[in-house]
Amino acid sequence: MKTYIHHIETLLPQYSYRQDYARDRMVGWMPGKRNRRLIHGIYDHSGIETRYSVLPDFGPNAEPVLFREDEDGRIIEPSTGDRNRYFRECARELVVKAGRQALDNAEGISASDITHVITVSCTGFYNPGPDLDLIKGLGLPESTERYNIGFMGCYAAFPALRMAHQFCMARPESVVLIVCLELCSLHLQFREEADSLLANSLFADGAAAVLVSAREPKGNCPALAIESFASALAPEGESEMAWEVGDRGFDIRLSTYVPNIIAANIGKIVEGVLLDASRTLNDIGTWAVHPGGRSIVDRVEKELNLKPEQLEDSREILRQCGNMSAVTVLFVLHRILNREGLDRKHPICAMAFGPGLTIETALLEYRPAEKGSFEENKSHVETIA
């Protein structure tokens, strides 16, 4: 029996900022020759053009919600409580909107079919949480089982997908709704450490909803068959990527050494994953790599000897949206799922990295839509402007 990703819906908040504009704003808030040089270098080489936020604070003449300035034009950093309260306010609307769009645009799955809800986030918490918001907002059965995957970081979509897969394998009638929401911009920091400046240049906000079941796809929309999952660790990177609750938001440690650590381990890890699945590197047609940053994608391409076009989707999501933590790889898979020309004979290898240093992978098989159906449904899934 196989399980399937039937539909992925992506959602971006209303405020968007060009990377060069964000760079100049950060320079204004963190003056000094050294800061200016570092900020320009980091932002200009990020591979990002646009990022999205639930906050209007960064726009010209905006009335700020969290990041207010003092008389000298310096940012007054909000408390963790202030940031989390705004997370709750935004999350209640965004998770329901993402879930509703997934149900409206999926073929053959309705609210009454949902048996499990999995919510994913590392950027805010409240209880009763987004799982209950989904039950109420979408009219799901009160008996729906609810689970939350919290604070795992950029690879958290994979444990959610694995959990959904296991639910469906154990109970073939299961239909699982995953909603992933990351509002990273709420945790913007104003410290001069290189780790903080790097994080400020990368992270952004977004949401995604995924429907998983063991039902055979209807054929009117493309789908992804789940083949296998694998987890691995590069323990030497444990201290290079970390995420902690601080007094002024969630504090991230994101070392510039992370791409080097990934590069040193990725070949061995991927080789083992593919060997366990009786596959080789040459079998993989498309790679859905979490674009944690431009240098990470560059090193994965080099170490695995991939062609640029095999990582085109990852680079394009990074360019258009930035790093939305756990949501990002779902945006990459959404883009892959809804473009033409994929070869069913060659599986997709999806991959993400996070604290630990953890490397999560999944092998997926593309199931195309019936001829003529793709164009009819394409407009429903193109959520990136």
Protein backbone atom coordinates (compact mmCIF):
# COMPACT_ATOMS: atom_id res chain seq x y z
CA MET A 1 0.00 0.00 0.00
CA LYS A 2 1.19 3.51 -0.85
CA THR A 3 0.37 6.86 0.69
CA TYR A 4 0.09 10.06 -1.31
CA ILE A 5 0.57 13.79 -0.99
CA HIS A 6 -2.62 14.75 -2.82
CA HIS A 7 -2.32 18.49 -2.61
CA ILE A 8 -0.03 21.24 -1.29
CA GLU A 9 -1.37 24.75 -0.79
CA THR A 10 0.98 27.66 -0.11
CA LEU A 11 0.17 30.99 1.48
CA LEU A 12 2.14 34.22 1.85
CA PRO A 13 1.25 37.13 4.16
CA GLN A 14 0.28 40.49 2.72
CA TYR A 15 3.43 42.54 3.33
CA SER A 16 6.41 42.02 1.04
CA TYR A 17 9.84 43.64 1.15
CA ARG A 18 12.59 43.64 -1.42
CA GLN A 19 15.89 42.40 -0.08
CA ASP A 20 17.79 45.55 -0.97
CA TYR A 21 15.17 47.62 0.87
CA ALA A 22 15.40 45.36 3.95
CA ARG A 23 19.19 45.70 3.80
CA ASP A 24 19.05 49.47 3.84
CA ARG A 25 16.55 49.49 6.70
CA MET A 26 18.82 47.24 8.74
CA VAL A 27 21.82 49.49 8.04
CA GLY A 28 19.79 52.44 9.30
CA TRP A 29 18.88 50.63 12.51
CA MET A 30 22.39 49.28 13.14
CA PRO A 31 24.81 52.09 12.23
CA GLY A 32 28.58 51.74 12.16
CA LYS A 33 31.13 51.01 9.47
CA ARG A 34 31.60 47.36 10.46
CA ASN A 35 27.85 46.67 10.59
CA ARG A 36 27.29 48.39 7.27
CA ARG A 37 30.00 46.30 5.59
CA LEU A 38 28.71 43.02 7.04
CA ILE A 39 25.07 43.75 6.29
CA HIS A 40 25.76 44.71 2.69
CA GLY A 41 27.89 41.61 2.14
CA ILE A 42 25.37 39.22 3.68
CA TYR A 43 22.23 40.66 2.06
CA ASP A 44 23.75 41.23 -1.38
CA HIS A 45 24.93 37.61 -1.66
CA SER A 46 21.84 35.95 -0.16
CA GLY A 47 20.21 34.87 -3.43
CA ILE A 48 16.99 36.48 -2.15
CA GLU A 49 15.04 39.19 -3.94
CA THR A 50 11.83 39.34 -1.89
CA ARG A 51 10.62 38.27 1.54
CA TYR A 52 7.17 38.36 3.13
CA SER A 53 6.05 39.28 6.64
CA VAL A 54 2.88 39.58 8.70
CA LEU A 55 4.31 42.86 9.98
CA PRO A 56 3.79 46.23 8.31
CA ASP A 57 6.56 47.63 10.54
CA PHE A 58 9.31 47.73 7.93
CA GLY A 59 7.49 49.71 5.26
CA PRO A 60 7.94 53.45 4.70
CA ASN A 61 5.63 55.56 6.88
CA ALA A 62 4.13 52.40 8.40
CA GLU A 63 2.48 52.38 11.83
CA PRO A 64 4.59 49.71 13.56
CA VAL A 65 3.01 46.82 15.43
CA LEU A 66 6.11 45.48 17.23
CA PHE A 67 9.30 47.23 16.15
CA ARG A 68 8.98 50.83 17.25
CA GLU A 69 11.78 53.39 17.18
CA ASP A 70 13.01 55.61 20.00
CA GLU A 71 13.80 59.32 19.63
CA ASP A 72 17.18 58.49 18.09
CA GLY A 73 15.72 56.15 15.48
CA ARG A 74 16.89 52.99 17.28
CA ILE A 75 14.59 49.99 17.51
CA ILE A 76 12.93 49.29 20.86
CA GLU A 77 12.99 45.51 20.88
CA PRO A 78 9.65 43.94 21.86
CA SER A 79 9.44 41.25 24.53
CA THR A 80 8.93 37.57 23.78
CA GLY A 81 5.40 37.89 25.15
CA ASP A 82 4.59 40.74 22.76
CA ARG A 83 5.92 38.77 19.80
CA ASN A 84 4.03 35.63 20.76
CA ARG A 85 0.76 37.49 21.24
CA TYR A 86 1.03 38.78 17.69
CA PHE A 87 1.88 35.28 16.49
CA ARG A 88 -1.37 34.04 18.02
CA GLU A 89 -3.35 36.87 16.46
CA CYS A 90 -1.98 36.14 12.97
CA ALA A 91 -1.89 32.35 13.25
CA ARG A 92 -5.60 32.01 13.94
CA GLU A 93 -6.40 33.52 10.55
CA LEU A 94 -3.54 32.10 8.48
CA VAL A 95 -3.78 28.42 9.44
CA VAL A 96 -7.50 28.36 8.73
CA LYS A 97 -7.04 30.16 5.41
CA ALA A 98 -4.32 27.71 4.32
CA GLY A 99 -6.38 24.71 5.39
CA ARG A 100 -9.51 25.99 3.67
CA GLN A 101 -7.65 26.61 0.41
CA ALA A 102 -6.25 23.08 0.54
CA LEU A 103 -9.69 21.55 0.98
CA ASP A 104 -11.29 23.81 -1.64
CA ASN A 105 -8.68 23.00 -4.28
CA ALA A 106 -8.03 19.31 -3.62
CA GLU A 107 -9.80 16.68 -5.67
CA GLY A 108 -12.13 14.31 -3.85
CA ILE A 109 -11.32 15.32 -0.25
CA SER A 110 -13.71 17.32 1.94
CA ALA A 111 -13.69 18.56 5.52
CA SER A 112 -15.75 15.59 6.71
CA ASP A 113 -13.04 13.20 5.45
CA ILE A 114 -10.28 14.58 7.72
CA THR A 115 -9.33 12.17 10.50
CA HIS A 116 -6.08 13.77 11.73
CA VAL A 117 -4.69 17.30 11.95
CA ILE A 118 -0.97 17.98 12.38
CA THR A 119 0.20 21.54 13.02
CA VAL A 120 3.83 22.58 12.67
CA SER A 121 5.62 25.70 13.91
CA CYS A 122 8.76 26.79 15.72
CA THR A 123 7.98 30.51 15.82
CA GLY A 124 5.10 30.72 18.31
CA PHE A 125 2.87 28.83 20.73
CA TYR A 126 -0.61 29.15 22.25
CA ASN A 127 -3.15 26.74 23.67
CA PRO A 128 -5.92 26.06 22.74
CA GLY A 129 -3.83 26.19 19.60
CA PRO A 130 -4.03 26.26 15.82
CA ASP A 131 -5.19 22.65 15.82
CA LEU A 132 -8.44 23.68 17.50
CA ASP A 133 -8.69 26.75 15.22
CA LEU A 134 -8.66 24.34 12.27
CA ILE A 135 -11.37 22.14 13.77
CA LYS A 136 -13.64 25.12 14.36
CA GLY A 137 -12.72 27.22 11.34
CA LEU A 138 -12.99 24.40 8.78
CA GLY A 139 -15.88 22.57 10.36
CA LEU A 140 -13.85 19.39 10.85
CA PRO A 141 -15.30 16.51 12.88
CA GLU A 142 -14.81 17.03 16.63
CA SER A 143 -13.39 13.50 16.73
CA THR A 144 -10.44 14.56 14.54
CA GLU A 145 -7.16 13.59 16.18
CA ARG A 146 -4.86 16.59 16.71
CA TYR A 147 -1.08 16.71 16.99
CA ASN A 148 1.48 19.50 17.15
CA ILE A 149 5.12 19.40 16.04
CA GLY A 150 6.84 22.34 17.69
CA PHE A 151 10.24 23.96 17.82
CA MET A 152 12.04 21.49 15.55
CA GLY A 153 13.17 24.13 13.05
CA CYS A 154 13.64 24.00 9.31
CA TYR A 155 13.29 20.22 8.91
CA ALA A 156 9.97 19.89 10.79
CA ALA A 157 7.85 19.29 7.66
CA PHE A 158 9.46 15.87 7.34
CA PRO A 159 8.42 14.52 10.77
CA ALA A 160 4.92 15.82 9.97
CA LEU A 161 4.83 14.02 6.62
CA ARG A 162 6.27 10.86 8.20
CA MET A 163 3.64 10.97 10.95
CA ALA A 164 0.87 11.39 8.35
CA HIS A 165 2.30 8.50 6.33
CA GLN A 166 2.34 6.26 9.41
CA PHE A 167 -1.23 7.15 10.35
CA CYS A 168 -2.39 6.19 6.86
CA MET A 169 -0.38 2.97 6.80
CA ALA A 170 -1.85 1.95 10.17
CA ARG A 171 -5.42 2.98 9.25
CA PRO A 172 -5.89 3.12 5.45
CA GLU A 173 -9.09 5.17 5.78
CA SER A 174 -7.15 8.05 7.40
CA VAL A 175 -7.00 11.46 5.71
CA VAL A 176 -4.46 13.81 7.28
CA LEU A 177 -4.33 17.60 7.06
CA ILE A 178 -0.92 19.13 7.83
CA VAL A 179 -0.71 22.89 8.31
CA CYS A 180 2.71 24.44 8.73
CA LEU A 181 3.07 28.10 9.78
CA GLU A 182 6.29 30.01 10.41
CA LEU A 183 6.35 33.72 11.26
CA CYS A 184 10.09 34.19 11.51
CA SER A 185 9.99 37.98 11.08
CA LEU A 186 8.49 38.29 14.57
CA HIS A 187 11.87 37.24 15.98
CA LEU A 188 14.07 39.79 14.24
CA GLN A 189 17.09 40.57 16.43
CA PHE A 190 19.27 43.66 16.59
CA ARG A 191 22.61 42.29 17.78
CA GLU A 192 25.94 42.85 16.08
CA GLU A 193 27.01 39.17 16.07
CA ALA A 194 27.44 37.73 12.59
CA ASP A 195 25.01 34.88 13.40
CA SER A 196 22.25 37.37 14.16
CA LEU A 197 22.91 39.46 11.06
CA LEU A 198 22.90 36.34 8.89
CA ALA A 199 19.56 35.16 10.33
CA ASN A 200 18.05 38.60 9.78
CA SER A 201 18.98 38.43 6.10
CA LEU A 202 17.39 35.03 5.45
CA PHE A 203 14.22 34.35 7.37
CA ALA A 204 10.67 35.22 6.32
CA ASP A 205 7.03 34.28 6.90
CA GLY A 206 4.81 31.77 5.15
CA ALA A 207 2.33 28.93 5.55
CA ALA A 208 1.52 25.70 3.74
CA ALA A 209 -1.17 23.03 3.99
CA VAL A 210 -0.79 19.43 2.83
CA LEU A 211 -3.32 16.63 2.39
CA VAL A 212 -2.08 13.04 2.79
CA SER A 213 -3.98 9.77 2.46
CA ALA A 214 -3.72 6.22 1.14
CA ARG A 215 -6.44 6.86 -1.40
CA GLU A 216 -5.46 6.40 -5.02
CA PRO A 217 -5.20 9.88 -6.61
CA LYS A 218 -8.24 10.87 -8.66
CA GLY A 219 -6.08 11.88 -11.60
CA ASN A 220 -7.41 15.42 -11.99
CA CYS A 221 -4.41 16.92 -10.18
CA PRO A 222 -0.79 15.74 -9.94
CA ALA A 223 0.21 13.94 -6.75
CA LEU A 224 3.30 12.61 -5.00
CA ALA A 225 3.56 9.00 -3.84
CA ILE A 226 5.58 8.66 -0.65
CA GLU A 227 8.31 6.07 -1.09
CA SER A 228 10.50 6.37 2.02
CA PHE A 229 11.94 8.64 4.71
CA ALA A 230 15.34 8.78 6.40
CA SER A 231 16.90 10.80 9.22
CA ALA A 232 20.58 11.48 9.84
CA LEU A 233 22.79 13.60 12.09
CA ALA A 234 25.97 15.58 11.58
CA PRO A 235 26.70 15.91 15.32
CA GLU A 236 29.74 18.12 14.83
CA GLY A 237 27.28 20.84 13.83
CA GLU A 238 25.17 20.66 16.99
CA SER A 239 26.41 23.99 18.35
CA GLU A 240 26.35 25.73 14.95
CA MET A 241 22.57 25.80 14.54
CA ALA A 242 20.32 26.29 17.57
CA TRP A 243 17.03 27.96 18.47
CA GLU A 244 16.20 29.08 22.03
CA VAL A 245 13.54 31.13 23.79
CA GLY A 246 15.00 34.45 24.90
CA ASP A 247 13.65 37.53 26.65
CA ARG A 248 13.49 39.46 23.36
CA GLY A 249 12.09 36.80 21.06
CA PHE A 250 13.54 33.46 20.01
CA ASP A 251 17.31 33.57 19.73
CA ILE A 252 18.89 31.74 16.82
CA ARG A 253 22.46 30.61 16.42
CA LEU A 254 23.20 30.15 12.73
CA SER A 255 26.90 29.81 12.10
CA THR A 256 28.50 30.56 8.75
CA TYR A 257 30.09 27.10 9.10
CA VAL A 258 26.75 25.33 8.55
CA PRO A 259 27.18 25.01 4.73
CA ASN A 260 30.63 23.48 5.26
CA ILE A 261 29.28 20.94 7.76
CA ILE A 262 26.44 19.99 5.42
CA ALA A 263 28.88 19.67 2.53
CA ALA A 264 31.18 17.40 4.54
CA ASN A 265 28.33 14.99 5.35
CA ILE A 266 25.79 15.20 2.55
CA GLY A 267 27.44 12.78 0.13
CA LYS A 268 27.74 9.96 2.65
CA ILE A 269 24.24 10.51 4.03
CA VAL A 270 22.52 10.66 0.63
CA GLU A 271 24.44 7.63 -0.59
CA GLY A 272 23.20 5.66 2.44
CA VAL A 273 19.61 6.84 1.99
CA LEU A 274 19.57 5.86 -1.67
CA LEU A 275 21.30 2.54 -1.02
CA ASP A 276 18.61 1.62 1.53
CA ALA A 277 15.98 2.40 -1.12
CA SER A 278 17.89 0.48 -3.83
CA ARG A 279 18.52 3.74 -5.69
CA THR A 280 21.55 5.67 -6.92
CA LEU A 281 22.22 9.35 -7.48
CA ASN A 282 21.60 8.87 -11.19
CA ASP A 283 18.08 7.63 -10.45
CA ILE A 284 17.01 10.98 -8.97
CA GLY A 285 15.58 13.43 -11.46
CA THR A 286 14.61 16.38 -9.27
CA TRP A 287 15.87 17.59 -5.89
CA ALA A 288 13.62 19.49 -3.48
CA VAL A 289 16.35 20.86 -1.20
CA HIS A 290 15.40 23.23 1.60
CA PRO A 291 17.10 26.47 0.53
CA GLY A 292 18.36 27.49 3.95
CA GLY A 293 20.59 29.96 2.15
CA ARG A 294 22.32 30.40 -1.17
CA SER A 295 25.58 28.85 0.06
CA ILE A 296 23.78 25.72 1.30
CA VAL A 297 22.20 25.10 -2.11
CA ASP A 298 25.54 25.80 -3.80
CA ARG A 299 27.36 23.27 -1.61
CA VAL A 300 24.71 20.57 -2.07
CA GLU A 301 24.93 21.05 -5.84
CA LYS A 302 28.72 20.79 -5.80
CA GLU A 303 29.05 17.86 -3.40
CA LEU A 304 26.40 15.75 -5.13
CA ASN A 305 27.59 16.80 -8.60
CA LEU A 306 24.10 17.93 -9.60
CA LYS A 307 23.06 19.91 -12.64
CA PRO A 308 21.85 23.48 -11.96
CA GLU A 309 18.40 22.67 -13.30
CA GLN A 310 17.98 19.92 -10.69
CA LEU A 311 17.94 22.60 -7.98
CA GLU A 312 16.10 25.26 -9.95
CA ASP A 313 12.97 24.98 -7.80
CA SER A 314 14.89 25.44 -4.55
CA ARG A 315 16.74 28.49 -5.85
CA GLU A 316 13.55 30.05 -7.19
CA ILE A 317 11.70 29.72 -3.89
CA LEU A 318 14.70 31.21 -2.07
CA ARG A 319 14.73 34.10 -4.55
CA GLN A 320 11.00 34.79 -4.33
CA CYS A 321 10.33 34.12 -0.65
CA GLY A 322 13.51 33.67 1.41
CA ASN A 323 13.87 31.02 4.11
CA MET A 324 10.49 30.37 5.76
CA SER A 325 11.92 27.69 8.08
CA ALA A 326 9.88 24.44 7.98
CA VAL A 327 7.44 25.84 5.42
CA THR A 328 10.10 26.34 2.74
CA VAL A 329 10.53 22.80 1.47
CA LEU A 330 6.75 22.54 1.07
CA PHE A 331 6.87 25.60 -1.18
CA VAL A 332 9.59 23.84 -3.20
CA LEU A 333 7.50 20.65 -3.48
CA HIS A 334 4.44 22.72 -4.40
CA ARG A 335 6.37 24.29 -7.25
CA ILE A 336 7.64 20.90 -8.44
CA LEU A 337 4.21 19.31 -8.17
CA ASN A 338 2.61 21.93 -10.37
CA ARG A 339 5.04 22.35 -13.21
CA GLU A 340 5.12 20.39 -16.41
CA GLY A 341 7.83 18.12 -17.74
CA LEU A 342 8.59 15.94 -14.73
CA ASP A 343 9.59 12.38 -15.57
CA ARG A 344 7.61 9.79 -13.61
CA LYS A 345 10.45 7.30 -14.05
CA HIS A 346 12.83 9.34 -11.87
CA PRO A 347 11.89 9.97 -8.23
CA ILE A 348 12.22 13.25 -6.34
CA CYS A 349 14.58 13.50 -3.39
CA ALA A 350 13.40 16.06 -0.82
CA MET A 351 15.76 17.24 1.90
CA ALA A 352 15.94 19.74 4.78
CA PHE A 353 18.39 20.69 7.51
CA GLY A 354 17.94 21.94 11.06
CA PRO A 355 19.20 22.00 14.64
CA GLY A 356 21.18 18.98 15.64
CA LEU A 357 22.58 19.27 12.92
CA THR A 358 19.74 17.18 11.53
CA ILE A 359 19.33 16.14 7.91
CA GLU A 360 15.91 14.78 6.91
CA THR A 361 15.15 13.22 3.53
CA ALA A 362 12.22 11.74 1.66
CA LEU A 363 11.94 9.91 -1.65
CA LEU A 364 8.81 10.77 -3.59
CA GLU A 365 7.35 9.53 -6.87
CA TYR A 366 5.59 11.97 -9.18
CA ARG A 367 2.09 11.00 -10.31
CA PRO A 368 1.01 13.27 -13.21
CA ALA A 369 -2.51 14.52 -13.72
CA GLU A 370 -4.60 13.11 -16.53
CA LYS A 371 -4.04 14.86 -19.82
CA GLY A 372 -5.97 18.11 -19.96
CA SER A 373 -6.65 18.22 -16.24
CA PHE A 374 -3.46 20.00 -15.23
CA GLU A 375 -4.26 23.32 -16.92
CA GLU A 376 -7.79 23.30 -15.48
CA ASN A 377 -6.45 23.07 -11.94
CA LYS A 378 -3.22 25.01 -12.30
CA SER A 379 -4.75 28.39 -11.44
CA HIS A 380 -5.80 27.14 -8.04
CA VAL A 381 -2.29 26.31 -6.87
CA GLU A 382 -0.20 29.22 -8.14
CA THR A 383 -0.10 31.21 -4.92
CA ILE A 384 3.25 32.95 -5.45
CA ALA A 385 2.91 36.22 -7.28
